[in-house]
C-alpha cells in the first residue's frame, strides 16, 4: 500500500486530521495543509454526495486519493480529497494551508495580500494552487495535482464545521492549533458543504 493510500484508509473523520501537514502540489506551487473538514457521503446531510451520485460528485464515489473539484458561490474552485473504499463517497475539504513553495507565483496573483492569507480558506487555497474544474478526478498520487504525506502537527484542534447548515455541529473541522493560516470559524454561512 502506498503512503498516500495508507493515509487515506479509514473512516473520513479519522482520515481528515491525518491530512494536516500533508503537502499539496500543483506545478510550482505547494501548500502544507493546516485546516481540513470531513464529509461522509450518504451519512452526512452536509455532503454533496448525500443524495447519491451525480455527474458533479461522481469522483467522491470513486477510489480514494482523487481530487474532487467544485465551484463555490459561482467563483471559487474548491479542492477535496476522496477518501475511503470505493462507493463510500467520503471526502475531505482542503480548507487552508501555508505556502511552502511557489510563494512568489501566488503573491503575483494577489498583490498586497498578506502571506498568511494567500491560502487561508478553501477558495483562496484553490486559487493559490491554480485548481480548475477540469482537474476534477485527478489521481493525487500521480496526476497534475499531488498530495504527499507530511509531518503531523504537534497539536490538532477540532470543532464544528464552518459554512454549512446541516450537521454543522459535527466536530469534523480539524486544524493545526495556533497556526495563523487557519481560516476563521463562520457559523451557518450559505455554503452547502461538500
N, C-alpha and C. Protein backbone atom coordinates (compact mmCIF):
# COMPACT_ATOMS: atom_id res chain seq x y z
N UNK A 1 0.85 -1.18 0.00
CA UNK A 1 0.00 0.00 0.00
C UNK A 1 0.90 1.24 0.00
N UNK A 2 0.60 2.20 -0.90
CA UNK A 2 1.41 3.42 -0.97
C UNK A 2 1.19 4.27 0.28
N UNK A 3 2.08 5.23 0.51
CA UNK A 3 1.96 6.12 1.67
C UNK A 3 0.67 6.92 1.62
N UNK A 4 0.27 7.37 0.42
CA UNK A 4 -0.97 8.13 0.29
C UNK A 4 -2.18 7.23 0.55
N UNK A 5 -2.19 6.03 -0.02
CA UNK A 5 -3.30 5.10 0.19
C UNK A 5 -3.44 4.77 1.67
N UNK A 6 -2.32 4.57 2.34
CA UNK A 6 -2.35 4.26 3.77
C UNK A 6 -2.92 5.45 4.56
N UNK A 7 -2.52 6.66 4.19
CA UNK A 7 -3.00 7.87 4.85
C UNK A 7 -4.52 8.01 4.72
N UNK A 8 -5.07 7.62 3.57
CA UNK A 8 -6.49 7.82 3.27
C UNK A 8 -7.37 6.63 3.65
N UNK A 9 -6.79 5.61 4.26
CA UNK A 9 -7.53 4.41 4.61
C UNK A 9 -8.22 4.58 5.96
N UNK A 10 -9.56 4.44 5.98
CA UNK A 10 -10.30 4.51 7.23
C UNK A 10 -11.48 5.45 7.13
N UNK A 11 -12.25 5.56 8.21
CA UNK A 11 -13.40 6.47 8.23
C UNK A 11 -12.93 7.92 8.04
N UNK A 12 -13.72 8.70 7.32
CA UNK A 12 -13.33 10.06 6.95
C UNK A 12 -13.00 10.94 8.15
N UNK A 13 -13.72 10.76 9.26
CA UNK A 13 -13.45 11.61 10.44
C UNK A 13 -12.11 11.24 11.10
N UNK A 14 -11.57 10.06 10.78
CA UNK A 14 -10.24 9.69 11.26
C UNK A 14 -9.15 10.08 10.27
N UNK A 15 -9.50 10.02 8.98
CA UNK A 15 -8.54 10.35 7.93
C UNK A 15 -8.28 11.86 7.88
N UNK A 16 -9.33 12.67 8.03
CA UNK A 16 -9.19 14.12 7.86
C UNK A 16 -8.04 14.71 8.68
N UNK A 17 -7.94 14.45 9.99
CA UNK A 17 -6.83 15.07 10.72
C UNK A 17 -5.46 14.54 10.30
N UNK A 18 -5.42 13.35 9.71
CA UNK A 18 -4.15 12.82 9.21
C UNK A 18 -3.61 13.63 8.03
N UNK A 19 -4.51 14.33 7.34
CA UNK A 19 -4.08 15.13 6.19
C UNK A 19 -3.42 16.44 6.62
N UNK A 20 -3.58 16.83 7.88
CA UNK A 20 -2.89 18.04 8.35
C UNK A 20 -1.38 17.80 8.28
N UNK A 21 -0.68 18.72 7.68
CA UNK A 21 0.76 18.57 7.47
C UNK A 21 1.11 18.00 6.10
N UNK A 22 0.13 17.40 5.41
CA UNK A 22 0.37 16.90 4.05
C UNK A 22 0.63 18.08 3.12
N UNK A 23 1.37 17.83 2.06
CA UNK A 23 1.70 18.88 1.09
C UNK A 23 0.98 18.60 -0.22
N UNK A 24 0.23 19.60 -0.68
CA UNK A 24 -0.49 19.54 -1.95
C UNK A 24 0.30 20.36 -2.95
N UNK A 25 0.60 19.78 -4.10
CA UNK A 25 1.39 20.47 -5.11
C UNK A 25 0.66 20.47 -6.44
N UNK A 26 0.71 21.63 -7.11
CA UNK A 26 0.25 21.77 -8.49
C UNK A 26 1.24 22.68 -9.19
N UNK A 27 2.02 22.13 -10.09
CA UNK A 27 3.05 22.91 -10.78
C UNK A 27 4.06 23.44 -9.79
N UNK A 28 4.38 24.75 -9.86
CA UNK A 28 5.42 25.31 -8.99
C UNK A 28 4.95 25.63 -7.58
N UNK A 29 3.65 25.47 -7.31
CA UNK A 29 3.09 25.87 -6.02
C UNK A 29 2.81 24.65 -5.14
N UNK A 30 3.21 24.76 -3.89
CA UNK A 30 2.93 23.70 -2.91
C UNK A 30 2.42 24.34 -1.63
N UNK A 31 1.41 23.69 -1.04
CA UNK A 31 0.76 24.17 0.18
C UNK A 31 0.76 23.05 1.21
N UNK A 32 1.20 23.37 2.42
CA UNK A 32 1.11 22.43 3.55
C UNK A 32 -0.24 22.66 4.21
N UNK A 33 -1.07 21.62 4.29
CA UNK A 33 -2.41 21.76 4.83
C UNK A 33 -2.40 22.03 6.33
N UNK A 34 -3.15 23.07 6.73
CA UNK A 34 -3.27 23.44 8.15
C UNK A 34 -4.71 23.34 8.63
N UNK A 35 -5.66 23.14 7.71
CA UNK A 35 -7.07 23.04 8.09
C UNK A 35 -7.82 22.21 7.06
N UNK A 36 -8.63 21.27 7.55
CA UNK A 36 -9.42 20.39 6.68
C UNK A 36 -10.79 20.18 7.32
N UNK A 37 -11.71 19.61 6.53
CA UNK A 37 -13.06 19.35 7.03
C UNK A 37 -13.57 18.05 6.41
N UNK A 38 -14.15 17.18 7.22
CA UNK A 38 -14.60 15.86 6.77
C UNK A 38 -16.08 15.87 6.39
N UNK A 39 -16.41 15.09 5.34
CA UNK A 39 -17.79 14.90 4.88
C UNK A 39 -17.99 13.43 4.56
N UNK A 40 -19.14 12.87 4.99
CA UNK A 40 -19.33 11.42 4.95
C UNK A 40 -20.49 10.97 4.06
N UNK A 41 -20.58 11.48 2.86
CA UNK A 41 -21.50 10.99 1.85
C UNK A 41 -22.93 10.79 2.32
N UNK A 42 -23.45 9.58 2.13
CA UNK A 42 -24.85 9.26 2.44
C UNK A 42 -25.18 9.38 3.92
N UNK A 43 -24.17 9.39 4.79
CA UNK A 43 -24.37 9.51 6.23
C UNK A 43 -24.28 10.94 6.72
N UNK A 44 -24.25 11.90 5.79
CA UNK A 44 -23.95 13.28 6.15
C UNK A 44 -24.77 14.26 5.30
N UNK A 45 -25.82 14.87 5.88
CA UNK A 45 -26.66 15.77 5.08
C UNK A 45 -25.94 17.03 4.59
N UNK A 46 -24.74 17.31 5.06
CA UNK A 46 -23.97 18.45 4.56
C UNK A 46 -23.12 18.08 3.34
N UNK A 47 -23.04 16.80 3.02
CA UNK A 47 -22.19 16.34 1.93
C UNK A 47 -22.87 16.52 0.58
N UNK A 48 -22.07 16.86 -0.44
CA UNK A 48 -22.57 16.93 -1.81
C UNK A 48 -23.07 15.56 -2.28
N UNK A 49 -22.61 14.49 -1.65
CA UNK A 49 -22.97 13.13 -2.06
C UNK A 49 -24.12 12.54 -1.25
N UNK A 50 -24.75 13.32 -0.41
CA UNK A 50 -25.80 12.83 0.48
C UNK A 50 -26.96 12.17 -0.28
N UNK A 51 -27.33 12.72 -1.41
CA UNK A 51 -28.47 12.20 -2.18
C UNK A 51 -28.06 11.21 -3.28
N UNK A 52 -26.79 10.83 -3.30
CA UNK A 52 -26.35 9.85 -4.29
C UNK A 52 -25.47 10.46 -5.36
N UNK A 53 -24.99 9.61 -6.27
CA UNK A 53 -24.06 10.08 -7.30
C UNK A 53 -24.73 10.95 -8.36
N UNK A 54 -23.99 11.95 -8.79
CA UNK A 54 -24.37 12.82 -9.91
C UNK A 54 -23.13 13.02 -10.77
N UNK A 55 -23.29 13.66 -11.91
CA UNK A 55 -22.11 13.96 -12.73
C UNK A 55 -21.12 14.83 -11.94
N UNK A 56 -21.64 15.74 -11.14
CA UNK A 56 -20.80 16.66 -10.38
C UNK A 56 -19.98 15.95 -9.30
N UNK A 57 -20.60 15.06 -8.54
CA UNK A 57 -19.94 14.49 -7.36
C UNK A 57 -19.38 13.08 -7.57
N UNK A 58 -19.44 12.54 -8.78
CA UNK A 58 -19.07 11.15 -9.04
C UNK A 58 -17.67 10.79 -8.52
N UNK A 59 -16.73 11.73 -8.54
CA UNK A 59 -15.37 11.45 -8.07
C UNK A 59 -15.38 11.01 -6.61
N UNK A 60 -16.31 11.54 -5.81
CA UNK A 60 -16.37 11.17 -4.40
C UNK A 60 -16.70 9.69 -4.21
N UNK A 61 -17.37 9.09 -5.19
CA UNK A 61 -17.78 7.68 -5.10
C UNK A 61 -16.69 6.75 -5.64
N UNK A 62 -15.70 7.31 -6.27
CA UNK A 62 -14.63 6.50 -6.85
C UNK A 62 -13.63 6.08 -5.80
N UNK A 63 -12.50 5.58 -6.20
CA UNK A 63 -11.50 5.16 -5.22
C UNK A 63 -10.91 6.36 -4.47
N UNK A 64 -10.36 6.09 -3.32
CA UNK A 64 -9.70 7.12 -2.51
C UNK A 64 -8.51 7.69 -3.27
N UNK A 65 -8.17 8.95 -2.94
CA UNK A 65 -6.97 9.56 -3.48
C UNK A 65 -7.16 10.29 -4.78
N UNK A 66 -8.37 10.74 -5.04
CA UNK A 66 -8.63 11.54 -6.24
C UNK A 66 -9.14 12.92 -5.83
N UNK A 67 -8.91 13.89 -6.72
CA UNK A 67 -9.31 15.27 -6.46
C UNK A 67 -10.75 15.49 -6.90
N UNK A 68 -11.57 15.98 -5.98
CA UNK A 68 -12.93 16.38 -6.29
C UNK A 68 -12.96 17.90 -6.26
N UNK A 69 -13.19 18.52 -7.41
CA UNK A 69 -13.26 19.98 -7.52
C UNK A 69 -14.70 20.40 -7.77
N UNK A 70 -15.09 21.50 -7.15
CA UNK A 70 -16.40 22.08 -7.42
C UNK A 70 -16.32 23.58 -7.30
N UNK A 71 -17.29 24.25 -7.91
CA UNK A 71 -17.36 25.70 -7.89
C UNK A 71 -18.22 26.14 -6.72
N UNK A 72 -17.68 27.00 -5.87
CA UNK A 72 -18.39 27.52 -4.71
C UNK A 72 -18.77 28.97 -4.97
N UNK A 73 -20.01 29.31 -4.69
CA UNK A 73 -20.51 30.68 -4.88
C UNK A 73 -20.31 31.19 -6.31
N UNK A 74 -20.17 30.27 -7.25
CA UNK A 74 -20.03 30.64 -8.65
C UNK A 74 -18.67 31.21 -9.02
N UNK A 75 -17.73 31.28 -8.07
CA UNK A 75 -16.43 31.89 -8.39
C UNK A 75 -15.21 31.12 -7.90
N UNK A 76 -15.31 30.41 -6.78
CA UNK A 76 -14.14 29.75 -6.20
C UNK A 76 -14.14 28.26 -6.52
N UNK A 77 -13.02 27.76 -7.03
CA UNK A 77 -12.87 26.32 -7.21
C UNK A 77 -12.24 25.78 -5.93
N UNK A 78 -12.97 24.88 -5.28
CA UNK A 78 -12.51 24.26 -4.03
C UNK A 78 -12.04 22.84 -4.32
N UNK A 79 -11.06 22.38 -3.54
CA UNK A 79 -10.49 21.06 -3.75
C UNK A 79 -10.71 20.15 -2.56
N UNK A 80 -10.99 18.90 -2.85
CA UNK A 80 -11.29 17.89 -1.85
C UNK A 80 -10.58 16.60 -2.20
N UNK A 81 -10.27 15.82 -1.20
CA UNK A 81 -9.61 14.53 -1.38
C UNK A 81 -10.64 13.43 -1.15
N UNK A 82 -10.84 12.55 -2.14
CA UNK A 82 -11.75 11.42 -1.94
C UNK A 82 -11.09 10.43 -0.99
N UNK A 83 -11.92 9.87 -0.11
CA UNK A 83 -11.42 9.05 1.00
C UNK A 83 -12.23 7.76 1.09
N UNK A 84 -11.63 6.72 1.66
CA UNK A 84 -12.36 5.50 1.98
C UNK A 84 -12.53 4.57 0.81
N UNK A 85 -13.27 3.48 1.01
CA UNK A 85 -13.45 2.48 -0.04
C UNK A 85 -14.33 3.01 -1.16
N UNK A 86 -14.13 2.45 -2.34
CA UNK A 86 -14.92 2.83 -3.50
C UNK A 86 -16.40 2.65 -3.19
N UNK A 87 -17.20 3.66 -3.54
CA UNK A 87 -18.63 3.62 -3.28
C UNK A 87 -19.06 4.32 -2.01
N UNK A 88 -18.11 4.68 -1.15
CA UNK A 88 -18.49 5.28 0.14
C UNK A 88 -18.74 6.78 0.06
N UNK A 89 -18.22 7.45 -0.94
CA UNK A 89 -18.43 8.89 -1.19
C UNK A 89 -17.99 9.79 -0.05
N UNK A 90 -16.95 9.44 0.65
CA UNK A 90 -16.40 10.31 1.68
C UNK A 90 -15.38 11.25 1.06
N UNK A 91 -15.22 12.42 1.68
CA UNK A 91 -14.24 13.38 1.17
C UNK A 91 -13.77 14.33 2.24
N UNK A 92 -12.59 14.89 2.02
CA UNK A 92 -12.02 15.87 2.93
C UNK A 92 -11.78 17.16 2.16
N UNK A 93 -12.45 18.21 2.61
CA UNK A 93 -12.28 19.54 2.02
C UNK A 93 -10.96 20.12 2.52
N UNK A 94 -10.13 20.59 1.61
CA UNK A 94 -8.89 21.26 1.97
C UNK A 94 -9.24 22.73 2.24
N UNK A 95 -9.27 23.12 3.51
CA UNK A 95 -9.77 24.45 3.89
C UNK A 95 -8.70 25.53 3.91
N UNK A 96 -7.47 25.21 4.32
CA UNK A 96 -6.45 26.25 4.43
C UNK A 96 -5.07 25.61 4.49
N UNK A 97 -4.07 26.43 4.18
CA UNK A 97 -2.70 25.93 4.25
C UNK A 97 -1.68 27.04 4.19
N UNK A 98 -0.44 26.63 4.37
CA UNK A 98 0.71 27.54 4.31
C UNK A 98 1.48 27.25 3.04
N UNK A 99 1.78 28.28 2.27
CA UNK A 99 2.58 28.10 1.07
C UNK A 99 4.00 27.71 1.46
N UNK A 100 4.49 26.60 0.89
CA UNK A 100 5.85 26.14 1.17
C UNK A 100 6.72 26.16 -0.08
N UNK A 101 6.11 26.42 -1.23
CA UNK A 101 6.85 26.55 -2.48
C UNK A 101 6.00 27.38 -3.44
N UNK A 102 6.65 28.20 -4.24
CA UNK A 102 5.93 29.00 -5.23
C UNK A 102 5.25 30.23 -4.67
N UNK A 103 5.70 30.70 -3.51
CA UNK A 103 5.03 31.85 -2.89
C UNK A 103 5.09 33.09 -3.79
N UNK A 104 6.18 33.27 -4.54
CA UNK A 104 6.28 34.43 -5.43
C UNK A 104 5.25 34.36 -6.55
N UNK A 105 4.95 33.15 -7.02
CA UNK A 105 3.92 32.96 -8.05
C UNK A 105 2.57 33.42 -7.52
N UNK A 106 2.24 33.01 -6.30
CA UNK A 106 0.94 33.34 -5.71
C UNK A 106 0.88 34.81 -5.32
N UNK A 107 1.97 35.36 -4.82
CA UNK A 107 2.00 36.80 -4.50
C UNK A 107 1.71 37.64 -5.74
N UNK A 108 2.23 37.22 -6.89
CA UNK A 108 2.00 37.95 -8.14
C UNK A 108 0.52 37.95 -8.52
N UNK A 109 -0.19 36.87 -8.19
CA UNK A 109 -1.62 36.79 -8.47
C UNK A 109 -2.45 37.64 -7.51
N UNK A 110 -1.92 37.84 -6.29
CA UNK A 110 -2.67 38.54 -5.25
C UNK A 110 -1.79 39.59 -4.57
N UNK A 111 -1.38 40.62 -5.32
CA UNK A 111 -0.50 41.63 -4.73
C UNK A 111 -1.16 42.32 -3.54
N UNK A 112 -0.36 42.58 -2.52
CA UNK A 112 -0.86 43.28 -1.35
C UNK A 112 -1.54 42.41 -0.32
N UNK A 113 -1.72 41.12 -0.61
CA UNK A 113 -2.35 40.20 0.34
C UNK A 113 -1.25 39.64 1.24
N UNK A 114 -1.50 39.64 2.54
CA UNK A 114 -0.53 39.09 3.50
C UNK A 114 -0.26 37.62 3.20
N UNK A 115 0.97 37.19 3.38
CA UNK A 115 1.35 35.80 3.10
C UNK A 115 0.44 34.81 3.82
N UNK A 116 0.08 35.08 5.07
CA UNK A 116 -0.75 34.14 5.83
C UNK A 116 -2.13 33.97 5.20
N UNK A 117 -2.57 34.95 4.41
CA UNK A 117 -3.91 34.92 3.82
C UNK A 117 -3.95 34.34 2.41
N UNK A 118 -2.82 34.03 1.82
CA UNK A 118 -2.79 33.59 0.43
C UNK A 118 -3.53 32.28 0.19
N UNK A 119 -3.54 31.38 1.17
CA UNK A 119 -4.25 30.09 1.05
C UNK A 119 -5.11 29.87 2.28
N UNK A 120 -5.62 30.93 2.86
CA UNK A 120 -6.41 30.87 4.10
C UNK A 120 -7.89 30.86 3.75
N UNK A 121 -8.47 29.68 3.71
CA UNK A 121 -9.85 29.46 3.29
C UNK A 121 -9.86 28.62 2.03
N UNK A 122 -10.92 27.84 1.80
CA UNK A 122 -10.93 26.89 0.68
C UNK A 122 -10.86 27.54 -0.69
N UNK A 123 -11.50 28.70 -0.87
CA UNK A 123 -11.43 29.39 -2.16
C UNK A 123 -10.04 29.93 -2.44
N UNK A 124 -9.43 30.53 -1.44
CA UNK A 124 -8.08 31.07 -1.58
C UNK A 124 -7.06 29.95 -1.79
N UNK A 125 -7.24 28.84 -1.09
CA UNK A 125 -6.34 27.69 -1.27
C UNK A 125 -6.45 27.19 -2.70
N UNK A 126 -7.67 27.07 -3.20
CA UNK A 126 -7.87 26.63 -4.57
C UNK A 126 -7.22 27.57 -5.57
N UNK A 127 -7.36 28.87 -5.33
CA UNK A 127 -6.77 29.86 -6.23
C UNK A 127 -5.25 29.79 -6.17
N UNK A 128 -4.68 29.69 -4.95
CA UNK A 128 -3.23 29.61 -4.80
C UNK A 128 -2.66 28.42 -5.57
N UNK A 129 -3.36 27.29 -5.52
CA UNK A 129 -2.90 26.08 -6.20
C UNK A 129 -3.24 26.07 -7.69
N UNK A 130 -4.04 27.03 -8.13
CA UNK A 130 -4.44 27.05 -9.54
C UNK A 130 -5.40 25.93 -9.88
N UNK A 131 -6.27 25.55 -8.91
CA UNK A 131 -7.23 24.49 -9.18
C UNK A 131 -8.26 24.96 -10.19
N UNK A 132 -8.64 24.04 -11.07
CA UNK A 132 -9.65 24.29 -12.10
C UNK A 132 -10.61 23.11 -12.13
N UNK A 133 -11.80 23.34 -12.64
CA UNK A 133 -12.79 22.26 -12.70
C UNK A 133 -12.32 21.10 -13.58
N UNK A 134 -11.50 21.37 -14.60
CA UNK A 134 -11.05 20.27 -15.45
C UNK A 134 -10.02 19.37 -14.76
N UNK A 135 -9.58 19.73 -13.55
CA UNK A 135 -8.70 18.86 -12.76
C UNK A 135 -9.49 17.86 -11.92
N UNK A 136 -10.81 17.97 -11.94
CA UNK A 136 -11.67 17.05 -11.21
C UNK A 136 -11.35 15.62 -11.62
N UNK A 137 -11.14 14.75 -10.64
CA UNK A 137 -10.85 13.35 -10.92
C UNK A 137 -9.37 13.03 -10.97
N UNK A 138 -8.50 14.03 -10.85
CA UNK A 138 -7.06 13.81 -10.89
C UNK A 138 -6.63 12.81 -9.81
N UNK A 139 -5.78 11.87 -10.20
CA UNK A 139 -5.19 10.93 -9.25
C UNK A 139 -4.14 11.69 -8.45
N UNK A 140 -4.34 11.83 -7.16
CA UNK A 140 -3.47 12.65 -6.33
C UNK A 140 -2.12 12.01 -6.02
N UNK A 141 -1.91 10.77 -6.46
CA UNK A 141 -0.60 10.13 -6.30
C UNK A 141 0.27 10.37 -7.52
N UNK A 142 -0.36 10.47 -8.71
CA UNK A 142 0.43 10.52 -9.95
C UNK A 142 0.02 11.63 -10.91
N UNK A 143 -1.00 12.41 -10.60
CA UNK A 143 -1.54 13.39 -11.53
C UNK A 143 -0.88 14.75 -11.47
N UNK A 144 -1.52 15.73 -12.13
CA UNK A 144 -1.01 17.11 -12.15
C UNK A 144 -1.03 17.74 -10.76
N UNK A 145 -1.97 17.33 -9.93
CA UNK A 145 -2.04 17.77 -8.54
C UNK A 145 -1.70 16.55 -7.70
N UNK A 146 -0.78 16.71 -6.74
CA UNK A 146 -0.40 15.58 -5.90
C UNK A 146 -0.53 15.94 -4.42
N UNK A 147 -0.72 14.91 -3.61
CA UNK A 147 -0.71 15.05 -2.16
C UNK A 147 0.36 14.11 -1.63
N UNK A 148 1.26 14.67 -0.83
CA UNK A 148 2.33 13.90 -0.22
C UNK A 148 2.17 13.97 1.30
N UNK A 149 2.10 12.82 1.96
CA UNK A 149 2.00 12.86 3.42
C UNK A 149 3.15 13.67 4.01
N UNK A 150 2.85 14.39 5.08
CA UNK A 150 3.86 15.22 5.73
C UNK A 150 3.90 14.95 7.21
N UNK A 151 4.65 15.77 7.91
CA UNK A 151 4.76 15.62 9.35
C UNK A 151 3.49 16.12 10.02
N UNK A 152 2.91 15.29 10.86
CA UNK A 152 1.70 15.67 11.57
C UNK A 152 2.03 16.77 12.57
N UNK A 153 1.13 17.77 12.69
CA UNK A 153 1.39 18.84 13.66
C UNK A 153 1.40 18.31 15.10
N UNK A 154 2.12 19.01 15.95
CA UNK A 154 2.22 18.61 17.36
C UNK A 154 0.87 18.68 18.06
N UNK A 155 0.08 19.69 17.70
CA UNK A 155 -1.24 19.85 18.34
C UNK A 155 -2.30 20.07 17.27
N UNK A 156 -3.39 19.32 17.41
CA UNK A 156 -4.51 19.42 16.47
C UNK A 156 -5.76 19.77 17.26
N UNK A 157 -6.53 20.73 16.74
CA UNK A 157 -7.80 21.10 17.33
C UNK A 157 -8.93 20.65 16.42
N UNK A 158 -10.12 20.50 16.98
CA UNK A 158 -11.30 20.17 16.17
C UNK A 158 -12.49 20.96 16.69
N UNK A 159 -13.44 21.14 15.81
CA UNK A 159 -14.65 21.87 16.18
C UNK A 159 -15.69 21.72 15.11
N UNK A 160 -16.81 22.45 15.25
CA UNK A 160 -17.89 22.34 14.27
C UNK A 160 -17.44 22.79 12.89
N UNK A 161 -18.08 22.20 11.89
CA UNK A 161 -17.77 22.59 10.52
C UNK A 161 -18.27 24.01 10.28
N UNK A 162 -17.65 24.66 9.34
CA UNK A 162 -17.99 26.05 9.05
C UNK A 162 -18.64 26.15 7.67
N UNK A 163 -19.58 27.08 7.56
CA UNK A 163 -20.19 27.34 6.27
C UNK A 163 -21.24 26.34 5.83
N UNK A 164 -21.74 25.49 6.71
CA UNK A 164 -22.79 24.54 6.36
C UNK A 164 -23.97 24.70 7.31
N UNK A 165 -25.14 24.38 6.83
CA UNK A 165 -26.35 24.46 7.67
C UNK A 165 -26.68 23.12 8.30
N UNK A 166 -26.55 22.05 7.53
CA UNK A 166 -26.91 20.72 8.00
C UNK A 166 -25.73 20.05 8.68
N UNK A 167 -25.98 19.45 9.83
CA UNK A 167 -24.96 18.71 10.59
C UNK A 167 -23.71 19.54 10.85
N UNK A 168 -23.88 20.85 10.99
CA UNK A 168 -22.75 21.75 11.24
C UNK A 168 -22.11 21.49 12.59
N UNK A 169 -22.87 20.93 13.51
CA UNK A 169 -22.36 20.72 14.87
C UNK A 169 -21.33 19.59 14.95
N UNK A 170 -21.22 18.77 13.93
CA UNK A 170 -20.22 17.70 13.95
C UNK A 170 -18.84 18.33 14.06
N UNK A 171 -18.05 17.86 14.97
CA UNK A 171 -16.70 18.40 15.19
C UNK A 171 -15.74 17.78 14.18
N UNK A 172 -16.04 17.97 12.91
CA UNK A 172 -15.27 17.36 11.83
C UNK A 172 -14.43 18.39 11.07
N UNK A 173 -14.24 19.54 11.66
CA UNK A 173 -13.28 20.51 11.14
C UNK A 173 -12.04 20.37 12.01
N UNK A 174 -10.90 20.16 11.37
CA UNK A 174 -9.65 19.92 12.09
C UNK A 174 -8.62 20.95 11.63
N UNK A 175 -7.81 21.44 12.58
CA UNK A 175 -6.81 22.42 12.21
C UNK A 175 -5.58 22.30 13.10
N UNK A 176 -4.49 22.82 12.59
CA UNK A 176 -3.24 22.88 13.35
C UNK A 176 -3.41 23.98 14.39
N UNK A 177 -3.38 23.61 15.64
CA UNK A 177 -3.61 24.54 16.73
C UNK A 177 -2.64 25.71 16.67
N UNK A 178 -3.20 26.92 16.70
CA UNK A 178 -2.39 28.13 16.75
C UNK A 178 -1.78 28.57 15.44
N UNK A 179 -2.03 27.87 14.34
CA UNK A 179 -1.42 28.25 13.06
C UNK A 179 -2.13 29.48 12.49
N UNK A 180 -1.40 30.51 12.08
CA UNK A 180 -2.03 31.75 11.59
C UNK A 180 -2.72 31.61 10.24
N UNK A 181 -2.47 30.52 9.51
CA UNK A 181 -3.10 30.37 8.20
C UNK A 181 -4.49 29.72 8.29
N UNK A 182 -4.89 29.28 9.47
CA UNK A 182 -6.21 28.66 9.64
C UNK A 182 -7.29 29.73 9.45
N UNK A 183 -8.34 29.38 8.74
CA UNK A 183 -9.40 30.35 8.47
C UNK A 183 -10.28 30.56 9.70
N UNK A 184 -10.94 31.71 9.78
CA UNK A 184 -11.82 31.97 10.92
C UNK A 184 -13.09 31.12 10.84
N UNK A 185 -13.62 30.77 12.00
CA UNK A 185 -14.86 29.99 12.05
C UNK A 185 -16.03 30.89 11.68
N UNK A 186 -16.89 30.40 10.80
CA UNK A 186 -18.11 31.13 10.42
C UNK A 186 -19.27 30.16 10.52
N UNK A 187 -20.20 30.46 11.39
CA UNK A 187 -21.36 29.60 11.61
C UNK A 187 -22.40 29.81 10.52
N UNK A 188 -22.91 28.72 9.98
CA UNK A 188 -24.05 28.69 9.07
C UNK A 188 -24.00 29.71 7.94
N UNK A 189 -22.89 29.77 7.23
CA UNK A 189 -22.83 30.60 6.03
C UNK A 189 -23.68 29.92 4.95
N UNK A 190 -23.72 30.47 3.78
CA UNK A 190 -24.59 29.94 2.74
C UNK A 190 -23.97 28.83 1.91
N UNK A 191 -22.79 28.36 2.29
CA UNK A 191 -22.18 27.25 1.55
C UNK A 191 -22.96 25.98 1.80
N UNK A 192 -22.79 25.00 0.93
CA UNK A 192 -23.56 23.77 1.04
C UNK A 192 -22.74 22.57 1.47
N UNK A 193 -21.52 22.77 1.90
CA UNK A 193 -20.70 21.62 2.27
C UNK A 193 -20.05 21.00 1.07
N UNK A 194 -19.61 19.76 1.23
CA UNK A 194 -19.01 19.09 0.08
C UNK A 194 -19.67 17.80 -0.14
